[in-house]
């Protein structure tokens, strides 16, 4: 029962002043600000003693600036995967002023400057705990990332994405952290009827930023074996680029040549680029059925170059849900990100990093990463 404050325990917040009360927030307003439900705030108050210092008319909660500061710390800690009870204790401690004259020996130890002396990071775990978003059996990072996105906490989203890429590498971070979170956000708001499109946009933007920051400089064609680079492009009219950005980042992580052309590439421009580059493969992304152009895909698959008798043609890879349910004879239709990355790496005799969950769920190439 250590999570419940004892009677007589000193308050974790200073007594509010009249000015604090005048500028306080209601529970509903604070919930919208933090990106959590009012029920969650009441539960935290009841279970962990993180509640308002005063109540208007003795009943209605009014959250003052010191109260809000404690809750912001609580949200920040839980978004990184800290259990709520532990986060609540730390949040209340952070609000207590350090007594004057506290000896150095009694103060919390500063983090070690020497990485060898710093405590080892806890291993990444998976979580099945119930939460705001239907995440299921996923890495703990997904839950923290989703909470930060729902709060529109851009700094926390950016920090957690950078940590995931640094810890796992680009390919695994995309498959195991980014895609499950995007899918959960999309399912949540689609099923609830709420139009929180801003959450997906914020999350997609920072994912794109994290992927591009981790993308190596394009490999020169002369530095790699194989017939040519991998061309990545969205078909005409298609604006969704996030999955292609992840694939481009994974290819450059393997130091393989790739040429990323981005969104809505005109057919004539794409054909011209393929004729000029002589690529080993062309990856065409279509998010929705209306943009999937099989005539364009077949034309590119039939494009050849080289001397007579030794002409070569590119491998055409059809990525995204727009191609589903339609025949693409002679073209590769991957069912997952890994299913696309493996054959592309194989063209150059390279291996690709494996995702622990790549055999258990789709991870962002055939179905797409939500509406991003």
Protein backbone atom coordinates (compact mmCIF):
# COMPACT_ATOMS: atom_id res chain seq x y z
CA UNK A 1 0.00 0.00 0.00
CA UNK A 2 3.02 2.24 -0.33
CA UNK A 3 1.41 3.95 -3.32
CA UNK A 4 -1.31 5.57 -1.16
CA UNK A 5 -0.25 8.58 0.95
CA UNK A 6 -0.61 8.11 4.69
CA UNK A 7 -2.76 10.37 6.79
CA UNK A 8 -0.77 13.37 7.86
CA UNK A 9 1.74 13.09 5.01
CA UNK A 10 3.05 16.56 4.07
CA UNK A 11 1.48 18.00 0.97
CA UNK A 12 3.53 17.63 -2.21
CA UNK A 13 2.52 21.14 -3.31
CA UNK A 14 2.76 24.56 -1.68
CA UNK A 15 -0.47 26.10 -0.45
CA UNK A 16 -2.16 28.01 -3.29
CA UNK A 17 -2.40 31.76 -3.16
CA UNK A 18 -5.51 33.68 -4.19
CA UNK A 19 -3.77 34.43 -7.48
CA UNK A 20 -3.25 30.67 -8.03
CA UNK A 21 -6.96 30.02 -7.52
CA UNK A 22 -7.95 32.81 -9.87
CA UNK A 23 -5.92 31.30 -12.69
CA UNK A 24 -6.74 27.66 -11.95
CA UNK A 25 -8.21 25.16 -14.42
CA UNK A 26 -11.15 22.83 -14.23
CA UNK A 27 -10.59 19.09 -14.55
CA UNK A 28 -11.98 19.06 -18.09
CA UNK A 29 -9.79 21.94 -19.24
CA UNK A 30 -6.70 20.38 -17.70
CA UNK A 31 -7.46 16.99 -19.25
CA UNK A 32 -7.63 18.58 -22.70
CA UNK A 33 -4.36 20.39 -22.07
CA UNK A 34 -2.53 17.24 -20.98
CA UNK A 35 -4.13 14.88 -23.49
CA UNK A 36 -5.55 12.51 -20.87
CA UNK A 37 -9.15 11.81 -19.86
CA UNK A 38 -10.82 13.47 -16.85
CA UNK A 39 -11.35 9.96 -15.47
CA UNK A 40 -7.58 9.44 -15.48
CA UNK A 41 -7.02 12.64 -13.48
CA UNK A 42 -9.62 11.59 -10.89
CA UNK A 43 -8.08 8.12 -10.70
CA UNK A 44 -4.60 9.56 -10.12
CA UNK A 45 -6.03 11.79 -7.37
CA UNK A 46 -7.79 8.87 -5.69
CA UNK A 47 -5.02 6.27 -6.04
CA UNK A 48 -1.81 8.31 -5.76
CA UNK A 49 -2.80 11.51 -4.01
CA UNK A 50 -2.08 13.70 -7.04
CA UNK A 51 -5.01 16.04 -6.80
CA UNK A 52 -5.76 19.74 -6.47
CA UNK A 53 -4.65 21.43 -3.27
CA UNK A 54 -8.06 23.11 -2.90
CA UNK A 55 -11.53 22.51 -4.26
CA UNK A 56 -13.94 25.27 -5.22
CA UNK A 57 -17.00 25.28 -2.91
CA UNK A 58 -15.40 22.32 -1.18
CA UNK A 59 -16.38 19.94 -4.02
CA UNK A 60 -15.27 20.97 -7.52
CA UNK A 61 -11.63 20.46 -8.43
CA UNK A 62 -9.65 23.54 -9.41
CA UNK A 63 -6.08 22.85 -10.52
CA UNK A 64 -3.54 25.58 -9.76
CA UNK A 65 -0.14 26.14 -11.38
CA UNK A 66 1.72 23.98 -8.79
CA UNK A 67 -0.87 21.20 -9.26
CA UNK A 68 -0.43 21.36 -13.03
CA UNK A 69 3.36 21.22 -12.73
CA UNK A 70 3.09 17.96 -10.76
CA UNK A 71 0.73 16.46 -13.35
CA UNK A 72 2.96 17.52 -16.25
CA UNK A 73 5.83 15.64 -14.57
CA UNK A 74 3.54 12.66 -14.05
CA UNK A 75 2.56 12.62 -17.73
CA UNK A 76 6.15 13.02 -18.88
CA UNK A 77 7.31 10.07 -16.78
CA UNK A 78 4.45 7.74 -17.72
CA UNK A 79 4.98 8.58 -21.40
CA UNK A 80 8.47 7.10 -21.12
CA UNK A 81 7.11 3.87 -19.65
CA UNK A 82 7.53 4.56 -15.91
CA UNK A 83 4.76 2.77 -13.94
CA UNK A 84 2.11 5.24 -12.70
CA UNK A 85 2.73 4.59 -8.99
CA UNK A 86 6.46 5.21 -9.35
CA UNK A 87 5.84 8.25 -11.57
CA UNK A 88 3.45 9.70 -8.99
CA UNK A 89 6.03 9.42 -6.20
CA UNK A 90 8.68 11.07 -8.35
CA UNK A 91 6.30 13.83 -9.46
CA UNK A 92 5.37 14.67 -5.86
CA UNK A 93 9.02 14.66 -4.80
CA UNK A 94 9.90 17.06 -7.61
CA UNK A 95 7.40 19.58 -6.21
CA UNK A 96 8.96 19.64 -2.75
CA UNK A 97 11.60 22.36 -2.23
CA UNK A 98 14.97 21.10 -1.04
CA UNK A 99 15.50 22.18 2.60
CA UNK A 100 18.16 24.81 3.11
CA UNK A 101 21.49 23.43 4.24
CA UNK A 102 20.86 19.91 2.98
CA UNK A 103 24.25 18.15 3.09
CA UNK A 104 25.64 16.92 -0.18
CA UNK A 105 25.64 13.35 1.07
CA UNK A 106 21.85 13.52 1.51
CA UNK A 107 21.14 14.82 -1.98
CA UNK A 108 20.34 12.52 -4.89
CA UNK A 109 23.45 11.44 -6.75
CA UNK A 110 24.13 13.14 -10.05
CA UNK A 111 24.32 10.89 -13.12
CA UNK A 112 27.80 9.56 -13.75
CA UNK A 113 29.76 11.36 -16.45
CA UNK A 114 31.59 8.16 -17.31
CA UNK A 115 29.28 5.92 -19.40
CA UNK A 116 30.94 2.88 -17.83
CA UNK A 117 29.87 4.05 -14.35
CA UNK A 118 26.31 4.96 -15.29
CA UNK A 119 23.58 2.45 -14.44
CA UNK A 120 22.77 0.09 -17.28
CA UNK A 121 19.50 0.87 -19.10
CA UNK A 122 16.63 -1.45 -18.33
CA UNK A 123 15.89 -3.94 -21.09
CA UNK A 124 13.05 -3.05 -23.45
CA UNK A 125 9.91 -4.86 -22.42
CA UNK A 126 6.56 -5.45 -24.01
CA UNK A 127 3.33 -4.34 -22.41
CA UNK A 128 -0.18 -5.74 -22.44
CA UNK A 129 -1.54 -3.21 -19.98
CA UNK A 130 -4.79 -1.50 -20.86
CA UNK A 131 -4.36 2.04 -22.05
CA UNK A 132 -5.99 4.85 -23.96
CA UNK A 133 -4.98 3.39 -27.31
CA UNK A 134 -5.54 -0.19 -28.54
CA UNK A 135 -1.87 -1.08 -28.77
CA UNK A 136 -1.98 -4.74 -27.74
CA UNK A 137 1.28 -6.70 -27.38
CA UNK A 138 3.88 -4.08 -28.29
CA UNK A 139 7.11 -2.62 -27.01
CA UNK A 140 6.78 -0.33 -24.02
CA UNK A 141 8.13 2.53 -26.16
CA UNK A 142 4.94 2.40 -28.24
CA UNK A 143 2.76 3.17 -25.26
CA UNK A 144 4.88 6.12 -24.17
CA UNK A 145 5.08 7.42 -27.74
CA UNK A 146 1.31 7.20 -28.16
CA UNK A 147 0.67 9.04 -24.90
CA UNK A 148 3.05 11.82 -25.87
CA UNK A 149 1.41 12.15 -29.30
CA UNK A 150 -2.10 12.32 -27.81
CA UNK A 151 -0.87 15.14 -25.54
CA UNK A 152 0.65 16.85 -28.62
CA UNK A 153 3.90 16.85 -26.64
CA UNK A 154 6.27 17.38 -29.57
CA UNK A 155 9.52 17.44 -27.53
CA UNK A 156 8.66 14.10 -25.90
CA UNK A 157 7.68 12.56 -29.24
CA UNK A 158 10.95 13.69 -30.80
CA UNK A 159 13.06 12.43 -27.87
CA UNK A 160 11.41 9.01 -27.81
CA UNK A 161 11.71 8.51 -31.57
CA UNK A 162 15.39 9.48 -31.48
CA UNK A 163 15.99 7.04 -28.61
CA UNK A 164 14.21 4.22 -30.48
CA UNK A 165 16.32 4.76 -33.60
CA UNK A 166 19.54 4.94 -31.58
CA UNK A 167 18.69 1.82 -29.59
CA UNK A 168 17.26 -0.45 -32.29
CA UNK A 169 18.40 0.99 -35.62
CA UNK A 170 16.17 2.52 -38.28
CA UNK A 171 14.58 -0.63 -39.70
CA UNK A 172 13.61 -2.19 -36.37
CA UNK A 173 12.53 1.15 -34.86
CA UNK A 174 10.20 1.62 -37.82
CA UNK A 175 8.71 -1.87 -37.65
CA UNK A 176 8.57 -2.35 -33.88
CA UNK A 177 7.87 1.17 -32.58
CA UNK A 178 6.64 3.61 -35.22
CA UNK A 179 4.21 1.53 -37.26
CA UNK A 180 2.35 -0.08 -34.30
CA UNK A 181 1.90 3.36 -32.74
CA UNK A 182 0.59 4.88 -35.96
CA UNK A 183 -1.82 2.00 -36.48
CA UNK A 184 -3.11 2.33 -32.90
CA UNK A 185 -3.65 6.07 -33.23
CA UNK A 186 -5.50 5.59 -36.52
CA UNK A 187 -7.72 2.82 -35.13
CA UNK A 188 -8.54 4.74 -31.98
CA UNK A 189 -9.84 7.87 -33.59
CA UNK A 190 -11.51 6.05 -36.49
CA UNK A 191 -13.47 3.85 -34.09
CA UNK A 192 -14.34 6.58 -31.60
CA UNK A 193 -15.67 9.01 -34.17
CA UNK A 194 -13.39 11.79 -32.92
CA UNK A 195 -11.49 13.75 -35.54
CA UNK A 196 -8.12 14.04 -33.85
CA UNK A 197 -6.29 14.25 -37.16
CA UNK A 198 -3.74 16.57 -35.54
CA UNK A 199 -2.40 13.66 -33.47
CA UNK A 200 -1.57 11.62 -36.56
CA UNK A 201 -0.13 14.62 -38.35
CA UNK A 202 2.13 15.50 -35.43
CA UNK A 203 3.27 11.90 -35.06
CA UNK A 204 3.87 11.45 -38.80
CA UNK A 205 5.84 14.67 -39.05
CA UNK A 206 8.21 13.71 -36.25
CA UNK A 207 8.57 10.18 -37.57
CA UNK A 208 9.55 11.59 -40.94
CA UNK A 209 12.05 13.88 -39.22
CA UNK A 210 13.55 10.99 -37.23
CA UNK A 211 13.86 8.83 -40.34
CA UNK A 212 15.52 11.56 -42.37
CA UNK A 213 17.94 12.43 -39.59
CA UNK A 214 18.99 8.81 -39.45
CA UNK A 215 19.31 8.41 -43.22
CA UNK A 216 22.89 8.14 -44.43
CA UNK A 217 24.13 10.06 -47.43
CA UNK A 218 23.17 8.17 -50.63
CA UNK A 219 25.73 5.58 -51.67
CA UNK A 220 27.47 6.21 -54.95
CA UNK A 221 26.64 3.72 -57.68
CA UNK A 222 30.32 2.99 -58.28
CA UNK A 223 30.81 2.10 -54.59
CA UNK A 224 28.32 -0.80 -54.59
CA UNK A 225 27.88 -3.99 -56.57
CA UNK A 226 24.74 -4.61 -58.63
CA UNK A 227 23.20 -3.22 -61.78
CA UNK A 228 22.00 0.11 -60.37
CA UNK A 229 20.26 1.87 -57.48
CA UNK A 230 16.83 1.24 -56.02
CA UNK A 231 14.32 3.87 -57.18
CA UNK A 232 11.60 4.73 -54.65
CA UNK A 233 8.60 6.80 -55.72
CA UNK A 234 4.94 7.39 -55.02
CA UNK A 235 2.71 6.88 -58.05
CA UNK A 236 1.04 9.96 -59.59
CA UNK A 237 -1.50 11.49 -57.23
CA UNK A 238 -0.13 9.69 -54.15
CA UNK A 239 1.05 11.91 -51.29
CA UNK A 240 1.86 9.34 -48.58
CA UNK A 241 5.63 8.95 -48.38
CA UNK A 242 6.35 7.75 -44.83
CA UNK A 243 6.78 4.03 -45.62
CA UNK A 244 9.09 4.87 -48.53
CA UNK A 245 11.12 7.15 -46.28
CA UNK A 246 11.56 4.22 -43.87
CA UNK A 247 12.61 1.88 -46.69
CA UNK A 248 15.02 4.47 -48.06
CA UNK A 249 16.53 4.92 -44.58
CA UNK A 250 16.90 1.15 -44.15
CA UNK A 251 18.62 0.80 -47.54
CA UNK A 252 21.09 3.59 -46.77
CA UNK A 253 21.72 2.04 -43.33
CA UNK A 254 22.92 -1.02 -45.29
CA UNK A 255 24.98 1.34 -47.50
CA UNK A 256 23.00 0.36 -50.58
CA UNK A 257 22.33 2.85 -53.40
CA UNK A 258 18.84 4.32 -53.36
CA UNK A 259 17.19 7.25 -55.12
CA UNK A 260 14.16 8.68 -53.31
CA UNK A 261 11.78 10.73 -55.49
CA UNK A 262 9.02 11.30 -52.94
CA UNK A 263 5.34 12.06 -53.42
CA UNK A 264 3.19 12.10 -56.56
CA UNK A 265 5.91 11.61 -59.17
CA UNK A 266 4.50 12.28 -62.69
CA UNK A 267 4.50 9.19 -64.89
CA UNK A 268 6.68 10.78 -67.59
CA UNK A 269 9.25 11.92 -65.02
CA UNK A 270 9.37 8.50 -63.36
CA UNK A 271 9.81 6.70 -66.70
CA UNK A 272 12.57 9.12 -67.64
CA UNK A 273 14.38 8.57 -64.33
CA UNK A 274 14.24 4.79 -64.73
CA UNK A 275 15.60 5.00 -68.29
CA UNK A 276 18.45 7.24 -67.15
CA UNK A 277 19.42 5.34 -63.99
CA UNK A 278 18.98 1.72 -65.08
CA UNK A 279 17.91 0.73 -61.53
CA UNK A 280 18.08 -2.71 -60.00
CA UNK A 281 14.56 -2.21 -58.61
CA UNK A 282 11.70 0.28 -58.63
CA UNK A 283 9.47 0.55 -55.55
CA UNK A 284 6.07 2.10 -56.29
CA UNK A 285 3.92 3.21 -53.37
CA UNK A 286 0.11 3.45 -53.55
CA UNK A 287 -1.88 4.10 -50.40
CA UNK A 288 -5.35 3.97 -51.95
CA UNK A 289 -6.79 1.96 -54.82
CA UNK A 290 -7.58 5.04 -56.90
CA UNK A 291 -3.86 5.89 -57.30
CA UNK A 292 -2.58 2.38 -58.15
CA UNK A 293 -1.60 2.43 -61.83
CA UNK A 294 -0.87 -1.04 -63.19
CA UNK A 295 -0.21 0.28 -66.71
CA UNK A 296 2.61 2.40 -65.29
CA UNK A 297 3.96 -0.50 -63.23
CA UNK A 298 3.91 -2.85 -66.25
CA UNK A 299 5.63 -0.23 -68.42
CA UNK A 300 8.43 0.15 -65.89
CA UNK A 301 8.76 -3.63 -65.50
CA UNK A 302 9.25 -3.89 -69.26
CA UNK A 303 11.82 -1.14 -69.51
CA UNK A 304 15.22 -2.54 -70.54
CA UNK A 305 18.73 -1.23 -71.05
CA UNK A 306 22.14 -2.54 -71.90
CA UNK A 307 23.65 -4.12 -75.01
CA UNK A 308 21.61 -6.42 -77.19
CA UNK A 309 21.58 -9.96 -75.82
CA UNK A 310 22.40 -8.77 -72.28
CA UNK A 311 19.57 -6.36 -71.61
CA UNK A 312 18.38 -5.98 -68.05
CA UNK A 313 15.07 -4.98 -66.52
CA UNK A 314 14.27 -3.73 -63.02
CA UNK A 315 12.50 -5.64 -60.30
CA UNK A 316 9.23 -3.77 -59.71
CA UNK A 317 8.01 -3.78 -56.09
CA UNK A 318 4.38 -2.78 -55.43
CA UNK A 319 4.09 -1.31 -51.94
CA UNK A 320 1.02 -0.09 -50.12
CA UNK A 321 -2.64 -1.13 -49.74
CA UNK A 322 -3.63 0.50 -53.03
CA UNK A 323 -2.33 -2.53 -54.94
CA UNK A 324 -4.25 -5.08 -52.87
CA UNK A 325 -6.56 -7.57 -54.58
CA UNK A 326 -5.22 -6.99 -58.07
CA UNK A 327 -2.86 -9.02 -60.21
CA UNK A 328 0.71 -7.86 -60.68
CA UNK A 329 2.22 -10.71 -62.64
CA UNK A 330 6.00 -10.68 -62.62
CA UNK A 331 6.12 -8.00 -59.91
CA UNK A 332 6.89 -8.34 -56.22
CA UNK A 333 4.00 -7.68 -53.85
CA UNK A 334 5.54 -7.78 -50.33
CA UNK A 335 3.32 -8.48 -47.34
CA UNK A 336 5.54 -6.65 -44.86
CA UNK A 337 8.39 -4.20 -44.61
CA UNK A 338 10.85 -7.04 -44.09
CA UNK A 339 9.51 -8.86 -47.17
CA UNK A 340 10.42 -5.81 -49.21
CA UNK A 341 13.78 -5.09 -47.61
CA UNK A 342 15.15 -8.65 -47.84
CA UNK A 343 14.94 -9.10 -51.64
CA UNK A 344 16.18 -5.57 -52.27
CA UNK A 345 19.21 -6.17 -50.05
CA UNK A 346 19.67 -9.54 -51.75
CA UNK A 347 20.16 -7.83 -55.11
CA UNK A 348 23.46 -6.55 -53.71
CA UNK A 349 24.36 -9.60 -51.66
CA UNK A 350 23.59 -7.82 -48.38
CA UNK A 351 21.62 -8.96 -45.37
CA UNK A 352 18.98 -6.85 -43.65
CA UNK A 353 18.30 -6.32 -39.93
CA UNK A 354 15.51 -8.56 -38.67
CA UNK A 355 12.54 -7.33 -36.69
CA UNK A 356 11.42 -9.48 -33.77
CA UNK A 357 7.82 -8.98 -34.78
CA UNK A 358 8.19 -9.17 -38.55
CA UNK A 359 6.85 -12.71 -38.68
CA UNK A 360 3.87 -11.93 -36.46
CA UNK A 361 2.29 -8.81 -37.93
CA UNK A 362 2.33 -6.48 -40.87
CA UNK A 363 4.80 -3.71 -40.34
CA UNK A 364 4.30 -0.89 -42.68
CA UNK A 365 4.82 -1.75 -46.34
CA UNK A 366 1.86 -3.73 -47.60
CA UNK A 367 -0.83 -2.15 -45.47
CA UNK A 368 0.74 1.22 -44.87
CA UNK A 369 1.39 3.10 -41.63
CA UNK A 370 -2.09 4.52 -41.15
CA UNK A 371 -3.12 7.79 -42.75
CA UNK A 372 0.26 9.46 -42.41
